[in-house]
Amino acid sequence: MEVRAVTKFTGVSAQKARLVVNEMRGRQAKEALDILQFMPQSAAQVVAKTIKSALANATENFGLDEDDMYITTIMADDAPIRRWRRFGARGRFKPWIRRSSHITVILEERF
């Protein structure tokens, strides 16, 4: 059975989140959470939160066992970009860009 969780509009850019996400693909969900706990990237916390949400969906909604769940699909997609400008010297302005991402985790049961 396929279980899904999505975290939208995270404060981490998709490029930085993909560094973490690519390490978690294909792993057991519990093992991935243990690894994420010791990763220094800020995206690791957001990815861990999404995996925990998917595990909670599996146990509460479908009655599946957490120990049998594996990450089949995990991706970090671009979300809307917030753009604004700050005024600089000599009448110029400097564009500021704040990127965000959507993180999707799909778990499946493997025996």
PDB file of N, CA and C in Angstrom:
ATOM      1  N   MET A   1       0.841  -1.175   0.000  1.00  0.00           N
ATOM      2  CA  MET A   1       0.000   0.000   0.000  1.00  0.00           C
ATOM      3  C   MET A   1       0.888   1.242   0.000  1.00  0.00           C
ATOM      4  N   GLU A   2       0.467   2.225  -0.726  1.00  0.00           N
ATOM      5  CA  GLU A   2       1.234   3.457  -0.888  1.00  0.00           C
ATOM      6  C   GLU A   2       0.701   4.532   0.054  1.00  0.00           C
ATOM      7  N   VAL A   3       1.597   5.134   0.840  1.00  0.00           N
ATOM      8  CA  VAL A   3       1.233   6.180   1.790  1.00  0.00           C
ATOM      9  C   VAL A   3       2.010   7.431   1.423  1.00  0.00           C
ATOM     10  N   ARG A   4       1.342   8.579   1.500  1.00  0.00           N
ATOM     11  CA  ARG A   4       1.927   9.809   0.987  1.00  0.00           C
ATOM     12  C   ARG A   4       1.846  10.923   2.027  1.00  0.00           C
ATOM     13  N   ALA A   5       2.875  11.800   2.036  1.00  0.00           N
ATOM     14  CA  ALA A   5       2.859  13.003   2.860  1.00  0.00           C
ATOM     15  C   ALA A   5       3.573  14.111   2.098  1.00  0.00           C
ATOM     16  N   VAL A   6       3.044  15.331   2.203  1.00  0.00           N
ATOM     17  CA  VAL A   6       3.612  16.475   1.494  1.00  0.00           C
ATOM     18  C   VAL A   6       3.773  17.627   2.475  1.00  0.00           C
ATOM     19  N   THR A   7       4.942  18.255   2.454  1.00  0.00           N
ATOM     20  CA  THR A   7       5.170  19.490   3.193  1.00  0.00           C
ATOM     21  C   THR A   7       5.348  20.592   2.164  1.00  0.00           C
ATOM     22  N   LYS A   8       4.492  21.601   2.238  1.00  0.00           N
ATOM     23  CA  LYS A   8       4.511  22.647   1.218  1.00  0.00           C
ATOM     24  C   LYS A   8       5.094  23.942   1.772  1.00  0.00           C
ATOM     25  N   PHE A   9       5.661  24.722   0.872  1.00  0.00           N
ATOM     26  CA  PHE A   9       6.186  26.057   1.160  1.00  0.00           C
ATOM     27  C   PHE A   9       7.205  26.040   2.295  1.00  0.00           C
ATOM     28  N   THR A  10       8.161  25.129   2.221  1.00  0.00           N
ATOM     29  CA  THR A  10       9.207  25.075   3.236  1.00  0.00           C
ATOM     30  C   THR A  10      10.146  26.259   3.059  1.00  0.00           C
ATOM     31  N   GLY A  11      10.877  26.596   4.077  1.00  0.00           N
ATOM     32  CA  GLY A  11      11.794  27.723   4.019  1.00  0.00           C
ATOM     33  C   GLY A  11      13.147  27.386   3.439  1.00  0.00           C
ATOM     34  N   VAL A  12      13.263  26.234   2.797  1.00  0.00           N
ATOM     35  CA  VAL A  12      14.535  25.767   2.248  1.00  0.00           C
ATOM     36  C   VAL A  12      14.401  25.712   0.731  1.00  0.00           C
ATOM     37  N   SER A  13      15.426  26.118   0.018  1.00  0.00           N
ATOM     38  CA  SER A  13      15.370  26.059  -1.439  1.00  0.00           C
ATOM     39  C   SER A  13      15.371  24.601  -1.897  1.00  0.00           C
ATOM     40  N   ALA A  14      14.816  24.370  -3.068  1.00  0.00           N
ATOM     41  CA  ALA A  14      14.717  23.004  -3.592  1.00  0.00           C
ATOM     42  C   ALA A  14      16.097  22.419  -3.868  1.00  0.00           C
ATOM     43  N   GLN A  15      17.027  23.253  -4.303  1.00  0.00           N
ATOM     44  CA  GLN A  15      18.377  22.771  -4.596  1.00  0.00           C
ATOM     45  C   GLN A  15      19.050  22.244  -3.333  1.00  0.00           C
ATOM     46  N   LYS A  16      18.895  22.952  -2.223  1.00  0.00           N
ATOM     47  CA  LYS A  16      19.495  22.512  -0.956  1.00  0.00           C
ATOM     48  C   LYS A  16      18.759  21.303  -0.390  1.00  0.00           C
ATOM     49  N   ALA A  17      17.448  21.255  -0.588  1.00  0.00           N
ATOM     50  CA  ALA A  17      16.677  20.117  -0.090  1.00  0.00           C
ATOM     51  C   ALA A  17      17.010  18.846  -0.866  1.00  0.00           C
ATOM     52  N   ARG A  18      17.323  18.980  -2.151  1.00  0.00           N
ATOM     53  CA  ARG A  18      17.643  17.797  -2.960  1.00  0.00           C
ATOM     54  C   ARG A  18      18.923  17.117  -2.501  1.00  0.00           C
ATOM     55  N   LEU A  19      19.851  17.869  -1.919  1.00  0.00           N
ATOM     56  CA  LEU A  19      21.070  17.265  -1.386  1.00  0.00           C
ATOM     57  C   LEU A  19      20.737  16.241  -0.307  1.00  0.00           C
ATOM     58  N   VAL A  20      19.755  16.552   0.511  1.00  0.00           N
ATOM     59  CA  VAL A  20      19.334  15.658   1.590  1.00  0.00           C
ATOM     60  C   VAL A  20      18.426  14.559   1.048  1.00  0.00           C
ATOM     61  N   VAL A  21      17.497  14.941   0.194  1.00  0.00           N
ATOM     62  CA  VAL A  21      16.493  14.011  -0.327  1.00  0.00           C
ATOM     63  C   VAL A  21      17.138  12.869  -1.107  1.00  0.00           C
ATOM     64  N   ASN A  22      18.156  13.172  -1.891  1.00  0.00           N
ATOM     65  CA  ASN A  22      18.785  12.140  -2.717  1.00  0.00           C
ATOM     66  C   ASN A  22      19.473  11.061  -1.881  1.00  0.00           C
ATOM     67  N   GLU A  23      19.871  11.386  -0.667  1.00  0.00           N
ATOM     68  CA  GLU A  23      20.492  10.394   0.218  1.00  0.00           C
ATOM     69  C   GLU A  23      19.466   9.448   0.842  1.00  0.00           C
ATOM     70  N   MET A  24      18.198   9.861   0.901  1.00  0.00           N
ATOM     71  CA  MET A  24      17.175   9.088   1.606  1.00  0.00           C
ATOM     72  C   MET A  24      16.405   8.136   0.703  1.00  0.00           C
ATOM     73  N   ARG A  25      16.489   8.302  -0.597  1.00  0.00           N
ATOM     74  CA  ARG A  25      15.696   7.514  -1.538  1.00  0.00           C
ATOM     75  C   ARG A  25      16.047   6.028  -1.439  1.00  0.00           C
ATOM     76  N   GLY A  26      15.026   5.177  -1.273  1.00  0.00           N
ATOM     77  CA  GLY A  26      15.221   3.735  -1.224  1.00  0.00           C
ATOM     78  C   GLY A  26      15.527   3.171   0.149  1.00  0.00           C
ATOM     79  N   ARG A  27      15.670   3.998   1.147  1.00  0.00           N
ATOM     80  CA  ARG A  27      16.010   3.521   2.491  1.00  0.00           C
ATOM     81  C   ARG A  27      14.748   3.157   3.271  1.00  0.00           C
ATOM     82  N   GLN A  28      14.968   2.404   4.334  1.00  0.00           N
ATOM     83  CA  GLN A  28      13.894   2.131   5.274  1.00  0.00           C
ATOM     84  C   GLN A  28      13.590   3.435   6.017  1.00  0.00           C
ATOM     85  N   ALA A  29      12.333   3.690   6.328  1.00  0.00           N
ATOM     86  CA  ALA A  29      11.930   4.972   6.900  1.00  0.00           C
ATOM     87  C   ALA A  29      12.593   5.227   8.255  1.00  0.00           C
ATOM     88  N   LYS A  30      12.647   4.224   9.110  1.00  0.00           N
ATOM     89  CA  LYS A  30      13.278   4.386  10.430  1.00  0.00           C
ATOM     90  C   LYS A  30      14.771   4.672  10.288  1.00  0.00           C
ATOM     91  N   GLU A  31      15.424   3.981   9.370  1.00  0.00           N
ATOM     92  CA  GLU A  31      16.853   4.189   9.131  1.00  0.00           C
ATOM     93  C   GLU A  31      17.101   5.609   8.612  1.00  0.00           C
ATOM     94  N   ALA A  32      16.224   6.091   7.737  1.00  0.00           N
ATOM     95  CA  ALA A  32      16.363   7.440   7.193  1.00  0.00           C
ATOM     96  C   ALA A  32      16.242   8.493   8.293  1.00  0.00           C
ATOM     97  N   LEU A  33      15.326   8.280   9.232  1.00  0.00           N
ATOM     98  CA  LEU A  33      15.174   9.229  10.342  1.00  0.00           C
ATOM     99  C   LEU A  33      16.417   9.262  11.221  1.00  0.00           C
ATOM    100  N   ASP A  34      17.035   8.098  11.440  1.00  0.00           N
ATOM    101  CA  ASP A  34      18.268   8.055  12.230  1.00  0.00           C
ATOM    102  C   ASP A  34      19.393   8.814  11.538  1.00  0.00           C
ATOM    103  N   ILE A  35      19.498   8.682  10.235  1.00  0.00           N
ATOM    104  CA  ILE A  35      20.544   9.377   9.485  1.00  0.00           C
ATOM    105  C   ILE A  35      20.286  10.883   9.472  1.00  0.00           C
ATOM    106  N   LEU A  36      19.037  11.271   9.274  1.00  0.00           N
ATOM    107  CA  LEU A  36      18.688  12.692   9.206  1.00  0.00           C
ATOM    108  C   LEU A  36      18.971  13.420  10.512  1.00  0.00           C
ATOM    109  N   GLN A  37      18.906  12.698  11.606  1.00  0.00           N
ATOM    110  CA  GLN A  37      19.135  13.303  12.916  1.00  0.00           C
ATOM    111  C   GLN A  37      20.545  13.874  13.038  1.00  0.00           C
ATOM    112  N   PHE A  38      21.503  13.303  12.305  1.00  0.00           N
ATOM    113  CA  PHE A  38      22.890  13.724  12.426  1.00  0.00           C
ATOM    114  C   PHE A  38      23.396  14.488  11.207  1.00  0.00           C
ATOM    115  N   MET A  39      22.519  14.823  10.278  1.00  0.00           N
ATOM    116  CA  MET A  39      22.939  15.610   9.116  1.00  0.00           C
ATOM    117  C   MET A  39      22.959  17.088   9.483  1.00  0.00           C
ATOM    118  N   PRO A  40      23.992  17.833   9.067  1.00  0.00           N
ATOM    119  CA  PRO A  40      24.108  19.240   9.456  1.00  0.00           C
ATOM    120  C   PRO A  40      23.223  20.190   8.646  1.00  0.00           C
ATOM    121  N   GLN A  41      22.671  19.743   7.530  1.00  0.00           N
ATOM    122  CA  GLN A  41      21.885  20.636   6.682  1.00  0.00           C
ATOM    123  C   GLN A  41      20.560  20.998   7.347  1.00  0.00           C
ATOM    124  N   SER A  42      20.110  22.236   7.107  1.00  0.00           N
ATOM    125  CA  SER A  42      18.839  22.662   7.691  1.00  0.00           C
ATOM    126  C   SER A  42      17.657  21.949   7.032  1.00  0.00           C
ATOM    127  N   ALA A  43      17.830  21.505   5.808  1.00  0.00           N
ATOM    128  CA  ALA A  43      16.754  20.785   5.120  1.00  0.00           C
ATOM    129  C   ALA A  43      16.491  19.426   5.753  1.00  0.00           C
ATOM    130  N   ALA A  44      17.441  18.894   6.509  1.00  0.00           N
ATOM    131  CA  ALA A  44      17.273  17.578   7.128  1.00  0.00           C
ATOM    132  C   ALA A  44      16.099  17.575   8.105  1.00  0.00           C
ATOM    133  N   GLN A  45      15.894  18.673   8.815  1.00  0.00           N
ATOM    134  CA  GLN A  45      14.783  18.746   9.765  1.00  0.00           C
ATOM    135  C   GLN A  45      13.441  18.722   9.043  1.00  0.00           C
ATOM    136  N   VAL A  46      13.360  19.434   7.928  1.00  0.00           N
ATOM    137  CA  VAL A  46      12.110  19.487   7.169  1.00  0.00           C
ATOM    138  C   VAL A  46      11.797  18.131   6.541  1.00  0.00           C
ATOM    139  N   VAL A  47      12.817  17.465   6.014  1.00  0.00           N
ATOM    140  CA  VAL A  47      12.624  16.148   5.407  1.00  0.00           C
ATOM    141  C   VAL A  47      12.229  15.129   6.477  1.00  0.00           C
ATOM    142  N   ALA A  48      12.856  15.206   7.653  1.00  0.00           N
ATOM    143  CA  ALA A  48      12.514  14.296   8.748  1.00  0.00           C
ATOM    144  C   ALA A  48      11.063  14.493   9.184  1.00  0.00           C
ATOM    145  N   LYS A  49      10.635  15.731   9.233  1.00  0.00           N
ATOM    146  CA  LYS A  49       9.256  16.022   9.617  1.00  0.00           C
ATOM    147  C   LYS A  49       8.267  15.419   8.613  1.00  0.00           C
ATOM    148  N   THR A  50       8.607  15.477   7.335  1.00  0.00           N
ATOM    149  CA  THR A  50       7.738  14.924   6.298  1.00  0.00           C
ATOM    150  C   THR A  50       7.694  13.399   6.373  1.00  0.00           C
ATOM    151  N   ILE A  51       8.840  12.775   6.636  1.00  0.00           N
ATOM    152  CA  ILE A  51       8.875  11.313   6.764  1.00  0.00           C
ATOM    153  C   ILE A  51       8.077  10.869   7.990  1.00  0.00           C
ATOM    154  N   LYS A  52       8.196  11.601   9.099  1.00  0.00           N
ATOM    155  CA  LYS A  52       7.413  11.275  10.296  1.00  0.00           C
ATOM    156  C   LYS A  52       5.920  11.394  10.018  1.00  0.00           C
ATOM    157  N   SER A  53       5.539  12.400   9.245  1.00  0.00           N
ATOM    158  CA  SER A  53       4.134  12.578   8.889  1.00  0.00           C
ATOM    159  C   SER A  53       3.629  11.414   8.044  1.00  0.00           C
ATOM    160  N   ALA A  54       4.455  10.958   7.104  1.00  0.00           N
ATOM    161  CA  ALA A  54       4.065   9.812   6.275  1.00  0.00           C
ATOM    162  C   ALA A  54       3.942   8.544   7.113  1.00  0.00           C
ATOM    163  N   LEU A  55       4.854   8.359   8.076  1.00  0.00           N
ATOM    164  CA  LEU A  55       4.763   7.195   8.969  1.00  0.00           C
ATOM    165  C   LEU A  55       3.497   7.257   9.821  1.00  0.00           C
ATOM    166  N   ALA A  56       3.154   8.452  10.291  1.00  0.00           N
ATOM    167  CA  ALA A  56       1.934   8.609  11.082  1.00  0.00           C
ATOM    168  C   ALA A  56       0.702   8.314  10.234  1.00  0.00           C
ATOM    169  N   ASN A  57       0.717   8.748   8.979  1.00  0.00           N
ATOM    170  CA  ASN A  57      -0.398   8.430   8.080  1.00  0.00           C
ATOM    171  C   ASN A  57      -0.530   6.922   7.887  1.00  0.00           C
ATOM    172  N   ALA A  58       0.605   6.239   7.773  1.00  0.00           N
ATOM    173  CA  ALA A  58       0.585   4.789   7.554  1.00  0.00           C
ATOM    174  C   ALA A  58      -0.002   4.054   8.750  1.00  0.00           C
ATOM    175  N   THR A  59       0.395   4.446   9.956  1.00  0.00           N
ATOM    176  CA  THR A  59      -0.066   3.729  11.140  1.00  0.00           C
ATOM    177  C   THR A  59      -1.495   4.104  11.521  1.00  0.00           C
ATOM    178  N   GLU A  60      -1.826   5.381  11.456  1.00  0.00           N
ATOM    179  CA  GLU A  60      -3.142   5.825  11.924  1.00  0.00           C
ATOM    180  C   GLU A  60      -4.245   5.570  10.895  1.00  0.00           C
ATOM    181  N   ASN A  61      -3.967   5.851   9.641  1.00  0.00           N
ATOM    182  CA  ASN A  61      -5.020   5.753   8.626  1.00  0.00           C
ATOM    183  C   ASN A  61      -5.161   4.354   8.035  1.00  0.00           C
ATOM    184  N   PHE A  62      -4.048   3.626   7.930  1.00  0.00           N
ATOM    185  CA  PHE A  62      -4.088   2.330   7.251  1.00  0.00           C
ATOM    186  C   PHE A  62      -3.708   1.160   8.146  1.00  0.00           C
ATOM    187  N   GLY A  63      -3.247   1.429   9.377  1.00  0.00           N
ATOM    188  CA  GLY A  63      -2.906   0.359  10.305  1.00  0.00           C
ATOM    189  C   GLY A  63      -1.682  -0.439   9.904  1.00  0.00           C
ATOM    190  N   LEU A  64      -0.742   0.177   9.213  1.00  0.00           N
ATOM    191  CA  LEU A  64       0.471  -0.513   8.769  1.00  0.00           C
ATOM    192  C   LEU A  64       1.553  -0.425   9.837  1.00  0.00           C
ATOM    193  N   ASP A  65       2.526  -1.306   9.753  1.00  0.00           N
ATOM    194  CA  ASP A  65       3.632  -1.341  10.710  1.00  0.00           C
ATOM    195  C   ASP A  65       4.745  -0.405  10.245  1.00  0.00           C
ATOM    196  N   GLU A  66       5.253   0.426  11.155  1.00  0.00           N
ATOM    197  CA  GLU A  66       6.305   1.394  10.816  1.00  0.00           C
ATOM    198  C   GLU A  66       7.593   0.727  10.372  1.00  0.00           C
ATOM    199  N   ASP A  67       7.888  -0.438  10.929  1.00  0.00           N
ATOM    200  CA  ASP A  67       9.164  -1.096  10.641  1.00  0.00           C
ATOM    201  C   ASP A  67       9.228  -1.656   9.222  1.00  0.00           C
ATOM    202  N   ASP A  68       8.084  -1.844   8.577  1.00  0.00           N
ATOM    203  CA  ASP A  68       8.055  -2.405   7.227  1.00  0.00           C
ATOM    204  C   ASP A  68       8.026  -1.342   6.133  1.00  0.00           C
ATOM    205  N   MET A  69       8.024  -0.065   6.508  1.00  0.00           N
ATOM    206  CA  MET A  69       7.852   1.003   5.528  1.00  0.00           C
ATOM    207  C   MET A  69       9.192   1.441   4.936  1.00  0.00           C
ATOM    208  N   TYR A  70       9.219   1.562   3.618  1.00  0.00           N
ATOM    209  CA  TYR A  70      10.397   2.005   2.874  1.00  0.00           C
ATOM    210  C   TYR A  70      10.040   3.229   2.045  1.00  0.00           C
ATOM    211  N   ILE A  71      11.020   4.072   1.809  1.00  0.00           N
ATOM    212  CA  ILE A  71      10.823   5.269   0.997  1.00  0.00           C
ATOM    213  C   ILE A  71      10.980   4.867  -0.467  1.00  0.00           C
ATOM    214  N   THR A  72       9.891   4.890  -1.206  1.00  0.00           N
ATOM    215  CA  THR A  72       9.967   4.560  -2.628  1.00  0.00           C
ATOM    216  C   THR A  72      10.191   5.810  -3.464  1.00  0.00           C
ATOM    217  N   THR A  73       9.487   6.876  -3.132  1.00  0.00           N
ATOM    218  CA  THR A  73       9.621   8.130  -3.871  1.00  0.00           C
ATOM    219  C   THR A  73       9.766   9.265  -2.878  1.00  0.00           C
ATOM    220  N   ILE A  74      10.769  10.091  -3.094  1.00  0.00           N
ATOM    221  CA  ILE A  74      10.946  11.293  -2.286  1.00  0.00           C
ATOM    222  C   ILE A  74      11.501  12.359  -3.215  1.00  0.00           C
ATOM    223  N   MET A  75      10.863  13.531  -3.203  1.00  0.00           N
ATOM    224  CA  MET A  75      11.302  14.577  -4.120  1.00  0.00           C
ATOM    225  C   MET A  75      11.109  15.953  -3.504  1.00  0.00           C
ATOM    226  N   ALA A  76      11.939  16.877  -3.965  1.00  0.00           N
ATOM    227  CA  ALA A  76      11.861  18.273  -3.553  1.00  0.00           C
ATOM    228  C   ALA A  76      11.634  19.107  -4.805  1.00  0.00           C
ATOM    229  N   ASP A  77      10.462  19.697  -4.910  1.00  0.00           N
ATOM    230  CA  ASP A  77      10.092  20.492  -6.080  1.00  0.00           C
ATOM    231  C   ASP A  77      10.122  21.973  -5.732  1.00  0.00           C
ATOM    232  N   ASP A  78      10.278  22.796  -6.765  1.00  0.00           N
ATOM    233  CA  ASP A  78      10.268  24.243  -6.566  1.00  0.00           C
ATOM    234  C   ASP A  78       8.880  24.714  -6.166  1.00  0.00           C
ATOM    235  N   ALA A  79       8.848  25.678  -5.269  1.00  0.00           N
ATOM    236  CA  ALA A  79       7.617  26.332  -4.854  1.00  0.00           C
ATOM    237  C   ALA A  79       7.697  27.787  -5.329  1.00  0.00           C
ATOM    238  N   PRO A  80       6.656  28.567  -5.144  1.00  0.00           N
ATOM    239  CA  PRO A  80       6.723  29.964  -5.571  1.00  0.00           C
ATOM    240  C   PRO A  80       7.890  30.709  -4.922  1.00  0.00           C
ATOM    241  N   ILE A  81       8.479  31.599  -5.705  1.00  0.00           N
ATOM    242  CA  ILE A  81       9.633  32.375  -5.252  1.00  0.00           C
ATOM    243  C   ILE A  81       9.147  33.745  -4.807  1.00  0.00           C
ATOM    244  N   ARG A  82       9.593  34.172  -3.655  1.00  0.00           N
ATOM    245  CA  ARG A  82       9.248  35.502  -3.159  1.00  0.00           C
ATOM    246  C   ARG A  82      10.345  36.466  -3.582  1.00  0.00           C
ATOM    247  N   ARG A  83       9.968  37.491  -4.324  1.00  0.00           N
ATOM    248  CA  ARG A  83      10.935  38.477  -4.801  1.00  0.00           C
ATOM    249  C   ARG A  83      10.560  39.847  -4.248  1.00  0.00           C
ATOM    250  N   TRP A  84      11.548  40.578  -3.797  1.00  0.00           N
ATOM    251  CA  TRP A  84      11.352  41.965  -3.405  1.00  0.00           C
ATOM    252  C   TRP A  84      12.657  42.702  -3.620  1.00  0.00           C
ATOM    253  N   ARG A  85      12.656  43.991  -3.393  1.00  0.00           N
ATOM    254  CA  ARG A  85      13.867  44.755  -3.646  1.00  0.00           C
ATOM    255  C   ARG A  85      14.241  45.596  -2.440  1.00  0.00           C
ATOM    256  N   ARG A  86      15.526  45.767  -2.293  1.00  0.00           N
ATOM    257  CA  ARG A  86      16.076  46.633  -1.252  1.00  0.00           C
ATOM    258  C   ARG A  86      16.797  47.767  -1.959  1.00  0.00           C
ATOM    259  N   PHE A  87      16.611  48.956  -1.474  1.00  0.00           N
ATOM    260  CA  PHE A  87      17.219  50.104  -2.128  1.00  0.00           C
ATOM    261  C   PHE A  87      18.658  50.256  -1.680  1.00  0.00           C
ATOM    262  N   GLY A  88      19.510  50.520  -2.651  1.00  0.00           N
ATOM    263  CA  GLY A  88      20.933  50.643  -2.399  1.00  0.00           C
ATOM    264  C   GLY A  88      21.422  52.051  -2.650  1.00  0.00           C
ATOM    265  N   ALA A  89      22.718  52.187  -2.692  1.00  0.00           N
ATOM    266  CA  ALA A  89      23.345  53.489  -2.878  1.00  0.00           C
ATOM    267  C   ALA A  89      23.166  53.978  -4.322  1.00  0.00           C
ATOM    268  N   ARG A  90      23.221  55.263  -4.495  1.00  0.00           N
ATOM    269  CA  ARG A  90      23.184  55.934  -5.803  1.00  0.00           C
ATOM    270  C   ARG A  90      21.909  55.629  -6.590  1.00  0.00           C
ATOM    271  N   GLY A  91      20.811  55.509  -5.889  1.00  0.00           N
ATOM    272  CA  GLY A  91      19.525  55.335  -6.549  1.00  0.00           C
ATOM    273  C   GLY A  91      19.275  53.963  -7.140  1.00  0.00           C
ATOM    274  N   ARG A  92      20.114  53.022  -6.827  1.00  0.00           N
ATOM    275  CA  ARG A  92      19.932  51.668  -7.348  1.00  0.00           C
ATOM    276  C   ARG A  92      19.066  50.847  -6.393  1.00  0.00           C
ATOM    277  N   PHE A  93      18.630  49.717  -6.870  1.00  0.00           N
ATOM    278  CA  PHE A  93      17.999  48.765  -5.956  1.00  0.00           C
ATOM    279  C   PHE A  93      18.560  47.386  -6.220  1.00  0.00           C
ATOM    280  N   LYS A  94      18.538  46.580  -5.175  1.00  0.00           N
ATOM    281  CA  LYS A  94      19.117  45.245  -5.226  1.00  0.00           C
ATOM    282  C   LYS A  94      17.997  44.227  -5.066  1.00  0.00           C
ATOM    283  N   PRO A  95      17.843  43.331  -6.030  1.00  0.00           N
ATOM    284  CA  PRO A  95      16.777  42.332  -5.902  1.00  0.00           C
ATOM    285  C   PRO A  95      17.124  41.272  -4.863  1.00  0.00           C
ATOM    286  N   TRP A  96      16.159  40.944  -4.039  1.00  0.00           N
ATOM    287  CA  TRP A  96      16.285  39.860  -3.076  1.00  0.00           C
ATOM    288  C   TRP A  96      15.335  38.756  -3.499  1.00  0.00           C
ATOM    289  N   ILE A  97      15.811  37.530  -3.413  1.00  0.00           N
ATOM    290  CA  ILE A  97      15.004  36.376  -3.806  1.00  0.00           C
ATOM    291  C   ILE A  97      14.999  35.373  -2.656  1.00  0.00           C
ATOM    292  N   ARG A  98      13.806  34.942  -2.272  1.00  0.00           N
ATOM    293  CA  ARG A  98      13.676  33.921  -1.236  1.00  0.00           C
ATOM    294  C   ARG A  98      13.004  32.707  -1.864  1.00  0.00           C
ATOM    295  N   ARG A  99      13.744  31.616  -1.974  1.00  0.00           N
ATOM    296  CA  ARG A  99      13.224  30.417  -2.616  1.00  0.00           C
ATOM    297  C   ARG A  99      12.626  29.472  -1.574  1.00  0.00           C
ATOM    298  N   SER A 100      11.637  28.716  -1.999  1.00  0.00           N
ATOM    299  CA  SER A 100      11.026  27.719  -1.124  1.00  0.00           C
ATOM    300  C   SER A 100      10.787  26.445  -1.933  1.00  0.00           C
ATOM    301  N   SER A 101      10.328  25.405  -1.263  1.00  0.00           N
ATOM    302  CA  SER A 101      10.166  24.117  -1.941  1.00  0.00           C
ATOM    303  C   SER A 101       8.991  23.343  -1.356  1.00  0.00           C
ATOM    304  N   HIS A 102       8.530  22.368  -2.126  1.00  0.00           N
ATOM    305  CA  HIS A 102       7.538  21.393  -1.685  1.00  0.00           C
ATOM    306  C   HIS A 102       8.247  20.045  -1.598  1.00  0.00           C
ATOM    307  N   ILE A 103       8.117  19.360  -0.457  1.00  0.00           N
ATOM    308  CA  ILE A 103       8.760  18.058  -0.277  1.00  0.00           C
ATOM    309  C   ILE A 103       7.674  16.985  -0.217  1.00  0.00           C
ATOM    310  N   THR A 104       7.810  15.972  -1.058  1.00  0.00           N
ATOM    311  CA  THR A 104       6.839  14.880  -1.147  1.00  0.00           C
ATOM    312  C   THR A 104       7.527  13.567  -0.809  1.00  0.00           C
ATOM    313  N   VAL A 105       6.895  12.787   0.075  1.00  0.00           N
ATOM    314  CA  VAL A 105       7.418  11.473   0.461  1.00  0.00           C
ATOM    315  C   VAL A 105       6.326  10.439   0.215  1.00  0.00           C
ATOM    316  N   ILE A 106       6.688   9.359  -0.473  1.00  0.00           N
ATOM    317  CA  ILE A 106       5.769   8.237  -0.681  1.00  0.00           C
ATOM    318  C   ILE A 106       6.424   6.982  -0.113  1.00  0.00           C
ATOM    319  N   LEU A 107       5.726   6.347   0.828  1.00  0.00           N
ATOM    320  CA  LEU A 107       6.218   5.131   1.474  1.00  0.00           C
ATOM    321  C   LEU A 107       5.417   3.935   0.982  1.00  0.00           C
ATOM    322  N   GLU A 108       6.079   2.794   0.923  1.00  0.00           N
ATOM    323  CA  GLU A 108       5.399   1.539   0.617  1.00  0.00           C
ATOM    324  C   GLU A 108       5.849   0.478   1.600  1.00  0.00           C
ATOM    325  N   GLU A 109       4.981  -0.494   1.790  1.00  0.00           N
ATOM    326  CA  GLU A 109       5.272  -1.582   2.715  1.00  0.00           C
ATOM    327  C   GLU A 109       6.071  -2.652   1.988  1.00  0.00           C
ATOM    328  N   ARG A 110       7.167  -3.063   2.600  1.00  0.00           N
ATOM    329  CA  ARG A 110       8.002  -4.127   2.043  1.00  0.00           C
ATOM    330  C   ARG A 110       8.261  -5.138   3.150  1.00  0.00           C
ATOM    331  N   PHE A 111       8.125  -6.409   2.849  1.00  0.00           N
ATOM    332  CA  PHE A 111       8.267  -7.440   3.883  1.00  0.00           C
ATOM    333  C   PHE A 111       9.633  -8.044   3.876  1.00  0.00           C
TER     334      PHE A 111
END
